[in-house]
C-alpha atoms as a PDB file:
ATOM      1  CA  MET A   1     -21.294 -34.581   6.397  1.00  0.00           C
ATOM      2  CA  ARG A   2     -21.116 -36.820   9.359  1.00  0.00           C
ATOM      3  CA  ALA A   3     -20.916 -35.783  12.938  1.00  0.00           C
ATOM      4  CA  TYR A   4     -21.426 -37.362  16.165  1.00  0.00           C
ATOM      5  CA  GLN A   5     -24.036 -35.999  18.561  1.00  0.00           C
ATOM      6  CA  ILE A   6     -24.935 -36.800  22.300  1.00  0.00           C
ATOM      7  CA  LEU A   7     -27.524 -35.779  24.500  1.00  0.00           C
ATOM      8  CA  PRO A   8     -25.880 -34.360  27.925  1.00  0.00           C
ATOM      9  CA  GLY A   9     -26.745 -37.328  30.559  1.00  0.00           C
ATOM     10  CA  ALA A  10     -27.015 -40.069  27.912  1.00  0.00           C
ATOM     11  CA  ASN A  11     -23.781 -41.424  28.775  1.00  0.00           C
ATOM     12  CA  ILE A  12     -21.168 -42.832  26.081  1.00  0.00           C
ATOM     13  CA  ASP A  13     -23.431 -45.401  24.774  1.00  0.00           C
ATOM     14  CA  GLY A  14     -25.576 -42.297  23.544  1.00  0.00           C
ATOM     15  CA  LEU A  15     -22.928 -41.046  21.217  1.00  0.00           C
ATOM     16  CA  GLN A  16     -24.309 -41.400  17.744  1.00  0.00           C
ATOM     17  CA  CYS A  17     -22.983 -41.002  14.299  1.00  0.00           C
ATOM     18  CA  VAL A  18     -25.334 -39.210  12.471  1.00  0.00           C
ATOM     19  CA  ASP A  19     -25.630 -37.273   9.036  1.00  0.00           C
ATOM     20  CA  TYR A  20     -25.562 -33.648   9.456  1.00  0.00           C
ATOM     21  CA  PRO A  21     -27.012 -31.240   6.656  1.00  0.00           C
ATOM     22  CA  ASP A  22     -24.787 -28.400   5.044  1.00  0.00           C
ATOM     23  CA  ARG A  23     -25.967 -25.044   5.712  1.00  0.00           C
ATOM     24  CA  GLU A  24     -25.076 -21.527   4.026  1.00  0.00           C
ATOM     25  CA  LEU A  25     -22.303 -19.252   5.490  1.00  0.00           C
ATOM     26  CA  GLY A  26     -23.185 -16.537   7.337  1.00  0.00           C
ATOM     27  CA  ILE A  27     -21.048 -13.008   7.961  1.00  0.00           C
ATOM     28  CA  GLY A  28     -18.018 -13.980   9.346  1.00  0.00           C
ATOM     29  CA  GLU A  29     -18.409 -17.719   9.388  1.00  0.00           C
ATOM     30  CA  VAL A  30     -15.805 -20.149   8.044  1.00  0.00           C
ATOM     31  CA  ARG A  31     -16.520 -23.498   7.119  1.00  0.00           C
ATOM     32  CA  ILE A  32     -13.434 -26.047   8.266  1.00  0.00           C
ATOM     33  CA  ARG A  33     -12.688 -29.620   7.379  1.00  0.00           C
ATOM     34  CA  VAL A  34     -11.913 -31.269  10.623  1.00  0.00           C
ATOM     35  CA  HIS A  35      -8.597 -33.400  10.676  1.00  0.00           C
ATOM     36  CA  ALA A  36      -8.079 -34.459  14.436  1.00  0.00           C
ATOM     37  CA  VAL A  37     -10.110 -34.141  17.538  1.00  0.00           C
ATOM     38  CA  SER A  38      -8.685 -34.995  21.199  1.00  0.00           C
ATOM     39  CA  LEU A  39     -10.287 -35.513  24.234  1.00  0.00           C
ATOM     40  CA  ASN A  40     -10.639 -34.104  28.012  1.00  0.00           C
ATOM     41  CA  TYR A  41     -12.091 -35.422  30.771  1.00  0.00           C
ATOM     42  CA  ARG A  42     -14.641 -32.994  30.622  1.00  0.00           C
ATOM     43  CA  ASP A  43     -16.289 -34.231  27.442  1.00  0.00           C
ATOM     44  CA  LEU A  44     -16.586 -37.478  29.813  1.00  0.00           C
ATOM     45  CA  MET A  45     -18.729 -35.027  32.203  1.00  0.00           C
ATOM     46  CA  VAL A  46     -20.653 -33.879  29.363  1.00  0.00           C
ATOM     47  CA  ALA A  47     -21.401 -37.615  28.256  1.00  0.00           C
ATOM     48  CA  GLY A  48     -22.517 -38.335  31.992  1.00  0.00           C
ATOM     49  CA  GLY A  49     -24.423 -35.129  32.570  1.00  0.00           C
ATOM     50  CA  ASN A  50     -22.000 -33.965  35.061  1.00  0.00           C
ATOM     51  CA  TYR A  51     -21.101 -30.844  33.814  1.00  0.00           C
ATOM     52  CA  LEU A  52     -20.977 -27.141  34.455  1.00  0.00           C
ATOM     53  CA  VAL A  53     -24.085 -26.397  32.316  1.00  0.00           C
ATOM     54  CA  THR A  54     -26.610 -28.595  30.907  1.00  0.00           C
ATOM     55  CA  VAL A  55     -28.333 -28.506  27.423  1.00  0.00           C
ATOM     56  CA  ASP A  56     -31.901 -30.118  26.596  1.00  0.00           C
ATOM     57  CA  ASP A  57     -31.106 -31.099  22.897  1.00  0.00           C
ATOM     58  CA  PRO A  58     -28.440 -33.260  21.742  1.00  0.00           C
ATOM     59  CA  VAL A  59     -25.009 -31.265  20.892  1.00  0.00           C
ATOM     60  CA  ILE A  60     -21.978 -32.420  18.856  1.00  0.00           C
ATOM     61  CA  PRO A  61     -19.228 -32.928  21.411  1.00  0.00           C
ATOM     62  CA  CYS A  62     -15.762 -32.090  22.017  1.00  0.00           C
ATOM     63  CA  SER A  63     -14.191 -28.646  22.581  1.00  0.00           C
ATOM     64  CA  ASP A  64     -10.763 -29.461  20.948  1.00  0.00           C
ATOM     65  CA  GLY A  65     -10.267 -29.833  17.235  1.00  0.00           C
ATOM     66  CA  ALA A  66      -7.837 -28.891  13.936  1.00  0.00           C
ATOM     67  CA  GLY A  67      -8.157 -28.636  10.499  1.00  0.00           C
ATOM     68  CA  GLU A  68      -8.226 -26.246   7.364  1.00  0.00           C
ATOM     69  CA  VAL A  69     -10.547 -23.611   6.131  1.00  0.00           C
ATOM     70  CA  LEU A  70     -12.591 -25.169   3.361  1.00  0.00           C
ATOM     71  CA  ALA A  71     -14.933 -21.634   2.551  1.00  0.00           C
ATOM     72  CA  VAL A  72     -15.313 -18.489   4.049  1.00  0.00           C
ATOM     73  CA  GLY A  73     -18.125 -16.396   4.200  1.00  0.00           C
ATOM     74  CA  PRO A  74     -19.050 -12.712   3.987  1.00  0.00           C
ATOM     75  CA  GLY A  75     -16.925 -10.267   5.593  1.00  0.00           C
ATOM     76  CA  VAL A  76     -14.056 -12.806   6.609  1.00  0.00           C
ATOM     77  CA  THR A  77     -10.656 -11.067   6.932  1.00  0.00           C
ATOM     78  CA  ARG A  78      -8.628 -13.369   9.216  1.00  0.00           C
ATOM     79  CA  VAL A  79      -8.535 -16.528   7.655  1.00  0.00           C
ATOM     80  CA  ARG A  80      -8.619 -17.751   3.844  1.00  0.00           C
ATOM     81  CA  GLU A  81      -9.406 -21.061   2.346  1.00  0.00           C
ATOM     82  CA  GLY A  82      -6.762 -23.359   3.181  1.00  0.00           C
ATOM     83  CA  ASP A  83      -5.576 -22.227   6.525  1.00  0.00           C
ATOM     84  CA  ARG A  84      -4.577 -24.392   8.998  1.00  0.00           C
ATOM     85  CA  VAL A  85      -6.969 -23.693  12.136  1.00  0.00           C
ATOM     86  CA  ALA A  86      -7.948 -24.759  15.770  1.00  0.00           C
ATOM     87  CA  GLY A  87     -11.211 -23.572  17.608  1.00  0.00           C
ATOM     88  CA  ALA A  88     -10.748 -21.932  20.621  1.00  0.00           C
ATOM     89  CA  PHE A  89     -12.640 -23.367  23.422  1.00  0.00           C
ATOM     90  CA  PHE A  90     -14.769 -20.058  24.208  1.00  0.00           C
ATOM     91  CA  PRO A  91     -15.756 -18.779  20.773  1.00  0.00           C
ATOM     92  CA  HIS A  92     -16.423 -15.427  22.517  1.00  0.00           C
ATOM     93  CA  TRP A  93     -13.469 -15.154  24.486  1.00  0.00           C
ATOM     94  CA  ILE A  94     -10.674 -13.347  22.571  1.00  0.00           C
ATOM     95  CA  GLU A  95      -8.304 -11.742  24.930  1.00  0.00           C
ATOM     96  CA  GLY A  96      -8.192 -10.401  28.316  1.00  0.00           C
ATOM     97  CA  ALA A  97     -10.163 -11.398  31.671  1.00  0.00           C
ATOM     98  CA  PRO A  98     -13.113 -13.734  31.460  1.00  0.00           C
ATOM     99  CA  THR A  99     -16.713 -12.178  31.826  1.00  0.00           C
ATOM    100  CA  PRO A 100     -20.286 -14.038  31.845  1.00  0.00           C
ATOM    101  CA  ALA A 101     -20.726 -12.865  28.368  1.00  0.00           C
ATOM    102  CA  LYS A 102     -16.964 -13.902  27.167  1.00  0.00           C
ATOM    103  CA  ILE A 103     -17.632 -17.392  28.562  1.00  0.00           C
ATOM    104  CA  ARG A 104     -21.368 -17.710  27.671  1.00  0.00           C
ATOM    105  CA  HIS A 105     -21.017 -20.372  25.421  1.00  0.00           C
ATOM    106  CA  SER A 106     -18.083 -23.293  25.174  1.00  0.00           C
ATOM    107  CA  LEU A 107     -17.688 -25.761  22.216  1.00  0.00           C
ATOM    108  CA  GLY A 108     -19.326 -29.339  22.893  1.00  0.00           C
ATOM    109  CA  GLY A 109     -20.755 -27.960  26.112  1.00  0.00           C
ATOM    110  CA  ASP A 110     -23.975 -25.973  25.393  1.00  0.00           C
ATOM    111  CA  ILE A 111     -23.200 -25.339  21.764  1.00  0.00           C
ATOM    112  CA  ASP A 112     -22.032 -27.900  19.174  1.00  0.00           C
ATOM    113  CA  GLY A 113     -18.568 -28.488  19.162  1.00  0.00           C
ATOM    114  CA  MET A 114     -15.681 -30.461  16.777  1.00  0.00           C
ATOM    115  CA  LEU A 115     -16.484 -34.074  16.471  1.00  0.00           C
ATOM    116  CA  ALA A 116     -17.629 -34.116  13.233  1.00  0.00           C
ATOM    117  CA  GLU A 117     -16.398 -33.950   9.456  1.00  0.00           C
ATOM    118  CA  GLU A 118     -17.030 -30.372   8.956  1.00  0.00           C
ATOM    119  CA  VAL A 119     -17.665 -27.519  11.441  1.00  0.00           C
ATOM    120  CA  VAL A 120     -18.923 -24.021  10.555  1.00  0.00           C
ATOM    121  CA  LEU A 121     -17.510 -21.295  13.316  1.00  0.00           C
ATOM    122  CA  HIS A 122     -17.169 -17.657  13.254  1.00  0.00           C
ATOM    123  CA  GLU A 123     -13.528 -16.372  12.436  1.00  0.00           C
ATOM    124  CA  ASP A 124     -13.035 -15.224  15.851  1.00  0.00           C
ATOM    125  CA  ALA A 125     -13.355 -18.322  16.967  1.00  0.00           C
ATOM    126  CA  LEU A 126     -10.418 -19.612  15.118  1.00  0.00           C
ATOM    127  CA  ALA A 127      -6.351 -19.478  15.859  1.00  0.00           C
ATOM    128  CA  THR A 128      -3.668 -20.213  13.057  1.00  0.00           C
ATOM    129  CA  ILE A 129      -1.634 -23.276  13.785  1.00  0.00           C
ATOM    130  CA  PRO A 130       2.163 -22.740  13.474  1.00  0.00           C
ATOM    131  CA  ALA A 131       4.108 -24.800  10.698  1.00  0.00           C
ATOM    132  CA  GLY A 132       5.739 -26.774  13.333  1.00  0.00           C
ATOM    133  CA  LEU A 133       2.495 -28.460  14.528  1.00  0.00           C
ATOM    134  CA  SER A 134       0.614 -31.371  13.027  1.00  0.00           C
ATOM    135  CA  PHE A 135      -3.137 -31.262  13.083  1.00  0.00           C
ATOM    136  CA  ILE A 136      -3.285 -34.228  15.522  1.00  0.00           C
ATOM    137  CA  GLU A 137      -0.629 -32.016  17.751  1.00  0.00           C
ATOM    138  CA  ALA A 138      -2.919 -28.662  17.514  1.00  0.00           C
ATOM    139  CA  ALA A 139      -5.915 -30.556  18.263  1.00  0.00           C
ATOM    140  CA  THR A 140      -4.665 -30.987  21.889  1.00  0.00           C
ATOM    141  CA  MET A 141      -4.283 -27.359  22.528  1.00  0.00           C
ATOM    142  CA  PRO A 142      -7.559 -25.548  22.862  1.00  0.00           C
ATOM    143  CA  CYS A 143      -8.332 -27.022  26.288  1.00  0.00           C
ATOM    144  CA  ALA A 144      -5.733 -28.617  27.728  1.00  0.00           C
ATOM    145  CA  ALA A 145      -2.520 -26.631  26.765  1.00  0.00           C
ATOM    146  CA  VAL A 146      -4.542 -23.219  27.245  1.00  0.00           C
ATOM    147  CA  THR A 147      -5.771 -24.449  30.958  1.00  0.00           C
ATOM    148  CA  ALA A 148      -1.938 -25.320  31.871  1.00  0.00           C
ATOM    149  CA  TRP A 149      -0.931 -22.413  30.331  1.00  0.00           C
ATOM    150  CA  ASN A 150      -3.178 -20.039  31.933  1.00  0.00           C
ATOM    151  CA  ALA A 151      -2.724 -21.730  35.534  1.00  0.00           C
ATOM    152  CA  ILE A 152       1.544 -21.368  35.042  1.00  0.00           C
ATOM    153  CA  PHE A 153       1.996 -18.357  33.086  1.00  0.00           C
ATOM    154  CA  VAL A 154      -0.908 -16.103  32.978  1.00  0.00           C
ATOM    155  CA  SER A 155      -3.138 -16.804  36.364  1.00  0.00           C
ATOM    156  CA  SER A 156       0.032 -17.470  38.953  1.00  0.00           C
ATOM    157  CA  ASN A 157       2.376 -15.053  40.519  1.00  0.00           C
ATOM    158  CA  GLN A 158       4.940 -13.755  38.169  1.00  0.00           C
ATOM    159  CA  LEU A 159       7.476 -16.767  38.072  1.00  0.00           C
ATOM    160  CA  LYS A 160      11.103 -17.144  37.117  1.00  0.00           C
ATOM    161  CA  PRO A 161      13.491 -19.633  35.719  1.00  0.00           C
ATOM    162  CA  GLY A 162      14.040 -22.153  38.431  1.00  0.00           C
ATOM    163  CA  ASP A 163      10.613 -21.624  40.318  1.00  0.00           C
ATOM    164  CA  THR A 164       8.877 -25.029  40.765  1.00  0.00           C
ATOM    165  CA  VAL A 165       5.396 -26.040  39.307  1.00  0.00           C
ATOM    166  CA  LEU A 166       4.023 -29.413  41.084  1.00  0.00           C
ATOM    167  CA  LEU A 167       1.417 -31.040  38.556  1.00  0.00           C
ATOM    168  CA  LEU A 168      -1.023 -33.625  39.880  1.00  0.00           C
ATOM    169  CA  GLY A 169      -1.693 -36.977  37.797  1.00  0.00           C
ATOM    170  CA  THR A 170      -0.610 -37.733  34.243  1.00  0.00           C
ATOM    171  CA  GLY A 171      -3.924 -36.624  32.065  1.00  0.00           C
ATOM    172  CA  GLY A 172      -3.413 -33.982  29.348  1.00  0.00           C
ATOM    173  CA  VAL A 173      -3.326 -30.877  31.556  1.00  0.00           C
ATOM    174  CA  SER A 174      -0.595 -31.817  33.677  1.00  0.00           C
ATOM    175  CA  VAL A 175       1.510 -33.476  31.101  1.00  0.00           C
ATOM    176  CA  LEU A 176       1.391 -30.668  29.032  1.00  0.00           C
ATOM    177  CA  GLY A 177       1.981 -28.697  31.830  1.00  0.00           C
ATOM    178  CA  LEU A 178       4.935 -30.816  32.638  1.00  0.00           C
ATOM    179  CA  GLN A 179       6.147 -29.989  29.000  1.00  0.00           C
ATOM    180  CA  LEU A 180       6.004 -25.942  29.115  1.00  0.00           C
ATOM    181  CA  ALA A 181       7.181 -25.444  32.278  1.00  0.00           C
ATOM    182  CA  ARG A 182      10.267 -27.493  31.580  1.00  0.00           C
ATOM    183  CA  ALA A 183      10.611 -25.893  28.147  1.00  0.00           C
ATOM    184  CA  ALA A 184      10.302 -22.293  30.195  1.00  0.00           C
ATOM    185  CA  GLY A 185      13.080 -23.417  32.681  1.00  0.00           C
ATOM    186  CA  LEU A 186      10.704 -24.078  35.821  1.00  0.00           C
ATOM    187  CA  ARG A 187      11.491 -27.103  38.220  1.00  0.00           C
ATOM    188  CA  THR A 188       8.851 -29.738  37.829  1.00  0.00           C
ATOM    189  CA  ILE A 189       7.540 -32.228  40.424  1.00  0.00           C
ATOM    190  CA  ILE A 190       4.399 -34.630  38.908  1.00  0.00           C
ATOM    191  CA  THR A 191       2.244 -37.280  40.702  1.00  0.00           C
ATOM    192  CA  SER A 192       0.598 -40.390  39.831  1.00  0.00           C
ATOM    193  CA  SER A 193      -0.210 -43.768  41.639  1.00  0.00           C
ATOM    194  CA  SER A 194       1.618 -45.294  38.681  1.00  0.00           C
ATOM    195  CA  ASP A 195       5.561 -46.129  38.493  1.00  0.00           C
ATOM    196  CA  ASP A 196       5.244 -46.819  34.542  1.00  0.00           C
ATOM    197  CA  LYS A 197       3.819 -43.045  34.318  1.00  0.00           C
ATOM    198  CA  LEU A 198       6.221 -41.376  36.377  1.00  0.00           C
ATOM    199  CA  ALA A 199       8.922 -43.222  34.640  1.00  0.00           C
ATOM    200  CA  ARG A 200       7.496 -41.640  31.283  1.00  0.00           C
ATOM    201  CA  ALA A 201       7.250 -38.471  33.417  1.00  0.00           C
ATOM    202  CA  ARG A 202      11.023 -38.322  33.911  1.00  0.00           C
ATOM    203  CA  GLU A 203      11.800 -39.063  30.210  1.00  0.00           C
ATOM    204  CA  LEU A 204       9.793 -35.839  29.544  1.00  0.00           C
ATOM    205  CA  GLY A 205      12.224 -34.084  31.902  1.00  0.00           C
ATOM    206  CA  ALA A 206      10.502 -34.034  35.319  1.00  0.00           C
ATOM    207  CA  HIS A 207      12.686 -33.127  37.988  1.00  0.00           C
ATOM    208  CA  HIS A 208      11.014 -35.202  40.938  1.00  0.00           C
ATOM    209  CA  THR A 209       7.952 -37.702  40.622  1.00  0.00           C
ATOM    210  CA  ILE A 210       5.995 -38.675  43.470  1.00  0.00           C
ATOM    211  CA  ASN A 211       3.751 -42.052  43.710  1.00  0.00           C
ATOM    212  CA  TYR A 212       0.947 -41.031  45.651  1.00  0.00           C
ATOM    213  CA  ARG A 213      -0.223 -44.570  46.542  1.00  0.00           C
ATOM    214  CA  ALA A 214       3.406 -45.173  48.034  1.00  0.00           C
ATOM    215  CA  ILE A 215       3.737 -41.797  49.725  1.00  0.00           C
ATOM    216  CA  PRO A 216       0.267 -40.767  51.046  1.00  0.00           C
ATOM    217  CA  GLU A 217       1.397 -37.678  52.838  1.00  0.00           C
ATOM    218  CA  TRP A 218       2.585 -36.288  49.284  1.00  0.00           C
ATOM    219  CA  HIS A 219       2.335 -32.724  50.167  1.00  0.00           C
ATOM    220  CA  ASP A 220       5.121 -33.818  52.999  1.00  0.00           C
ATOM    221  CA  GLU A 221       7.213 -35.089  50.106  1.00  0.00           C
ATOM    222  CA  VAL A 222       7.034 -31.840  48.045  1.00  0.00           C
ATOM    223  CA  LEU A 223       8.196 -29.732  51.149  1.00  0.00           C
ATOM    224  CA  HIS A 224      11.003 -31.993  51.533  1.00  0.00           C
ATOM    225  CA  LEU A 225      12.231 -32.124  47.558  1.00  0.00           C
ATOM    226  CA  THR A 226      11.661 -28.275  48.077  1.00  0.00           C
ATOM    227  CA  GLU A 227      13.764 -27.955  51.145  1.00  0.00           C
ATOM    228  CA  GLY A 228      10.674 -26.576  52.907  1.00  0.00           C
ATOM    229  CA  ALA A 229       9.758 -23.942  50.412  1.00  0.00           C
ATOM    230  CA  GLY A 230       6.946 -25.509  48.664  1.00  0.00           C
ATOM    231  CA  ALA A 231       5.732 -25.362  44.893  1.00  0.00           C
ATOM    232  CA  ASN A 232       5.392 -21.581  43.496  1.00  0.00           C
ATOM    233  CA  VAL A 233       2.436 -23.152  41.792  1.00  0.00           C
ATOM    234  CA  VAL A 234       0.343 -26.072  41.581  1.00  0.00           C
ATOM    235  CA  LEU A 235      -1.766 -27.492  39.104  1.00  0.00           C
ATOM    236  CA  GLU A 236      -4.958 -29.014  41.170  1.00  0.00           C
ATOM    237  CA  VAL A 237      -6.837 -31.040  39.253  1.00  0.00           C
ATOM    238  CA  GLY A 238      -8.306 -33.615  41.384  1.00  0.00           C
ATOM    239  CA  GLY A 239     -10.879 -31.454  43.345  1.00  0.00           C
ATOM    240  CA  GLN A 240     -12.112 -32.577  46.895  1.00  0.00           C
ATOM    241  CA  GLY A 241      -9.915 -35.468  47.720  1.00  0.00           C
ATOM    242  CA  THR A 242      -6.648 -33.546  47.099  1.00  0.00           C
ATOM    243  CA  VAL A 243      -7.074 -29.966  47.408  1.00  0.00           C
ATOM    244  CA  ASN A 244      -6.105 -29.357  50.953  1.00  0.00           C
ATOM    245  CA  ARG A 245      -2.919 -31.250  50.478  1.00  0.00           C
ATOM    246  CA  SER A 246      -2.203 -28.541  47.356  1.00  0.00           C
ATOM    247  CA  VAL A 247      -2.504 -26.017  49.533  1.00  0.00           C
ATOM    248  CA  SER A 248      -0.163 -27.382  52.077  1.00  0.00           C
ATOM    249  CA  ALA A 249       2.393 -28.425  49.265  1.00  0.00           C
ATOM    250  CA  ALA A 250       2.271 -24.587  47.753  1.00  0.00           C
ATOM    251  CA  ALA A 251       4.956 -22.064  48.501  1.00  0.00           C
ATOM    252  CA  MET A 252       4.619 -18.995  50.470  1.00  0.00           C
ATOM    253  CA  GLY A 253       2.976 -16.490  48.343  1.00  0.00           C
ATOM    254  CA  GLY A 254       2.362 -19.339  45.985  1.00  0.00           C
ATOM    255  CA  THR A 255      -0.852 -20.151  43.727  1.00  0.00           C
ATOM    256  CA  VAL A 256      -2.890 -23.311  43.779  1.00  0.00           C
ATOM    257  CA  ALA A 257      -4.666 -23.383  40.270  1.00  0.00           C
ATOM    258  CA  ILE A 258      -7.869 -25.283  40.664  1.00  0.00           C
ATOM    259  CA  ILE A 259      -8.383 -26.706  37.164  1.00  0.00           C
ATOM    260  CA  GLY A 260     -10.745 -29.634  37.508  1.00  0.00           C
ATOM    261  CA  GLY A 261     -12.831 -32.114  39.977  1.00  0.00           C
ATOM    262  CA  VAL A 262     -11.802 -35.540  39.265  1.00  0.00           C
ATOM    263  CA  SER A 263     -12.555 -36.487  42.872  1.00  0.00           C
ATOM    264  CA  GLY A 264     -15.636 -34.549  42.820  1.00  0.00           C
ATOM    265  CA  PHE A 265     -15.903 -30.365  43.296  1.00  0.00           C
ATOM    266  CA  GLY A 266     -15.952 -28.899  47.264  1.00  0.00           C
ATOM    267  CA  GLY A 267     -13.909 -29.746  50.015  1.00  0.00           C
ATOM    268  CA  GLU A 268     -13.402 -27.211  53.112  1.00  0.00           C
ATOM    269  CA  VAL A 269     -10.089 -25.094  53.043  1.00  0.00           C
ATOM    270  CA  ASN A 270      -9.328 -23.395  55.927  1.00  0.00           C
ATOM    271  CA  PRO A 271      -8.566 -19.552  55.163  1.00  0.00           C
ATOM    272  CA  ALA A 272      -6.148 -19.488  57.898  1.00  0.00           C
ATOM    273  CA  SER A 273      -4.044 -21.763  55.735  1.00  0.00           C
ATOM    274  CA  LEU A 274      -3.820 -18.938  53.078  1.00  0.00           C
ATOM    275  CA  LEU A 275      -3.869 -16.181  55.001  1.00  0.00           C
ATOM    276  CA  ALA A 276      -0.889 -17.111  57.057  1.00  0.00           C
ATOM    277  CA  THR A 277       1.322 -17.987  54.126  1.00  0.00           C
ATOM    278  CA  ALA A 278      -0.290 -15.317  51.678  1.00  0.00           C
ATOM    279  CA  LYS A 279      -1.137 -18.348  49.579  1.00  0.00           C
ATOM    280  CA  ARG A 280      -4.008 -17.868  46.996  1.00  0.00           C
ATOM    281  CA  MET A 281      -6.462 -20.187  45.246  1.00  0.00           C
ATOM    282  CA  VAL A 282      -7.344 -19.397  41.445  1.00  0.00           C
ATOM    283  CA  GLY A 283     -10.163 -20.702  39.720  1.00  0.00           C
ATOM    284  CA  ILE A 284      -8.861 -21.908  35.936  1.00  0.00           C
ATOM    285  CA  TYR A 285     -11.625 -22.120  33.632  1.00  0.00           C
ATOM    286  CA  VAL A 286      -9.735 -23.002  30.332  1.00  0.00           C
ATOM    287  CA  GLY A 287      -8.821 -19.477  28.754  1.00  0.00           C
ATOM    288  CA  SER A 288      -9.153 -17.068  26.075  1.00  0.00           C
ATOM    289  CA  ARG A 289      -8.223 -17.209  22.197  1.00  0.00           C
ATOM    290  CA  SER A 290      -5.078 -15.435  22.699  1.00  0.00           C
ATOM    291  CA  MET A 291      -3.988 -17.649  25.055  1.00  0.00           C
ATOM    292  CA  LEU A 292      -4.365 -20.394  22.819  1.00  0.00           C
ATOM    293  CA  GLU A 293      -2.401 -18.292  19.883  1.00  0.00           C
ATOM    294  CA  ASP A 294       0.302 -17.746  22.644  1.00  0.00           C
ATOM    295  CA  VAL A 295       0.514 -21.370  23.735  1.00  0.00           C
ATOM    296  CA  MET A 296       0.910 -22.797  20.305  1.00  0.00           C
ATOM    297  CA  ARG A 297       3.537 -19.888  19.326  1.00  0.00           C
ATOM    298  CA  PHE A 298       5.413 -21.355  22.236  1.00  0.00           C
ATOM    299  CA  ALA A 299       5.127 -24.890  21.546  1.00  0.00           C
ATOM    300  CA  ASP A 300       5.972 -24.471  17.935  1.00  0.00           C
ATOM    301  CA  VAL A 301       9.448 -22.193  18.923  1.00  0.00           C
ATOM    302  CA  SER A 302      10.507 -24.474  22.177  1.00  0.00           C
ATOM    303  CA  GLY A 303       9.947 -27.611  20.121  1.00  0.00           C
ATOM    304  CA  VAL A 304       7.182 -28.521  22.527  1.00  0.00           C
ATOM    305  CA  LYS A 305       5.525 -31.726  21.249  1.00  0.00           C
ATOM    306  CA  PRO A 306       2.127 -32.753  22.928  1.00  0.00           C
ATOM    307  CA  VAL A 307       2.252 -36.601  24.075  1.00  0.00           C
ATOM    308  CA  ILE A 308      -0.166 -38.503  22.007  1.00  0.00           C
ATOM    309  CA  ASP A 309      -0.794 -41.707  23.783  1.00  0.00           C
ATOM    310  CA  ARG A 310      -3.536 -43.174  21.211  1.00  0.00           C
ATOM    311  CA  VAL A 311      -5.098 -42.397  18.208  1.00  0.00           C
ATOM    312  CA  PHE A 312      -8.342 -43.503  17.249  1.00  0.00           C
ATOM    313  CA  PRO A 313     -10.036 -43.430  13.843  1.00  0.00           C
ATOM    314  CA  PHE A 314     -13.298 -41.698  13.506  1.00  0.00           C
ATOM    315  CA  GLY A 315     -15.483 -44.427  13.198  1.00  0.00           C
ATOM    316  CA  GLN A 316     -14.105 -45.723  16.710  1.00  0.00           C
ATOM    317  CA  ALA A 317     -15.310 -42.448  18.909  1.00  0.00           C
ATOM    318  CA  GLN A 318     -16.980 -44.517  21.711  1.00  0.00           C
ATOM    319  CA  GLU A 319     -14.197 -46.403  22.083  1.00  0.00           C
ATOM    320  CA  ALA A 320     -12.019 -43.771  22.057  1.00  0.00           C
ATOM    321  CA  TYR A 321     -14.137 -42.442  25.083  1.00  0.00           C
ATOM    322  CA  ARG A 322     -14.359 -45.726  27.160  1.00  0.00           C
ATOM    323  CA  TYR A 323     -10.120 -45.346  26.772  1.00  0.00           C
ATOM    324  CA  MET A 324     -10.372 -41.955  28.264  1.00  0.00           C
ATOM    325  CA  GLU A 325     -12.432 -42.977  30.774  1.00  0.00           C
ATOM    326  CA  SER A 326     -10.322 -46.069  31.828  1.00  0.00           C
ATOM    327  CA  GLY A 327      -7.620 -43.558  32.969  1.00  0.00           C
ATOM    328  CA  SER A 328      -5.260 -45.815  31.319  1.00  0.00           C
ATOM    329  CA  HIS A 329      -3.726 -42.944  28.898  1.00  0.00           C
ATOM    330  CA  PHE A 330      -0.642 -41.099  29.234  1.00  0.00           C
ATOM    331  CA  GLY A 331      -1.254 -37.717  27.531  1.00  0.00           C
ATOM    332  CA  LYS A 332      -3.723 -37.075  25.219  1.00  0.00           C
ATOM    333  CA  VAL A 333      -6.098 -39.589  23.387  1.00  0.00           C
ATOM    334  CA  VAL A 334      -7.130 -37.991  19.869  1.00  0.00           C
ATOM    335  CA  ILE A 335      -9.715 -39.147  17.250  1.00  0.00           C
ATOM    336  CA  GLU A 336      -8.346 -38.680  13.448  1.00  0.00           C
ATOM    337  CA  VAL A 337     -11.138 -37.401  11.560  1.00  0.00           C
ATOM    338  CA  SER A 338      -9.544 -37.444   8.225  1.00  0.00           C
ATOM    339  CA  ALA A 339      -6.043 -39.069   6.732  1.00  0.00           C
ATOM    340  CA  ARG A 340      -4.559 -35.839   6.483  1.00  0.00           C
ATOM    341  CA  ALA A 341      -3.660 -35.196  10.135  1.00  0.00           C
END
């Protein structure tokens, strides 16, 4: 079978399609025919050698993929041949709070991921795809949707309908977060530097939009839109360039969910700005398999359909990466591995 591999730090040009030999299934292992893979900003970081973990050998990249079970190894009970499944970002984080053991490996980071015609995963790392989601839609869930779900519904203070969620930018996490929050009856504010993307966000149900280039002090605009209350949850995906504004935009007792570092990690936050208003910052490192199961069920019953910006064929993986790198996408960039997606 064919698979892509990359040596972290080799950049997009280092992404190469190679022939991989099949191997026998061990105890608890499952062979999956991959139908679709979606890209995340994290995949660009792996390619550039800027991810949190590094390895010395090439890996099959990409954490997010969906497909069907081809065969099961000895002792497998959770899935059977023909089942539609998605792989969990952290194969060992099944449920509960994260621990070093649970997050010691991540697909497409320090171990082989999903950008292949076939992959072998342990049954515990698999979540069954609900009937209402296609392979392409399900492939967007393991990283972006789980991250948004964790930030809004798991790691924040308990929310109630009408509470406000602030989403920075229009990448995969923020757009899926917008859709999930809107479906749950939450008030949504989203930012972007593109009026066209903000118009699309309003079509998805965003209550308020802010062009942060036109309004550089966008945190003040958030306070204005919420009559001084601020956002109950902020999905902070920017990093060093935005974190202090995110804290300012948060409500008293609100949560700033630190998700990514598009502008780089770091930046000083004055503890007094948190203490005086009982705000808190929470680091979000994707989530567990049970969160993946929860968000897929929620999307299924609520009718949430992930926004797919563009689908590339398997032979154009480098082009998909470059499109992702351009930042021109709205929603998710997907690579279709087989035509049955």
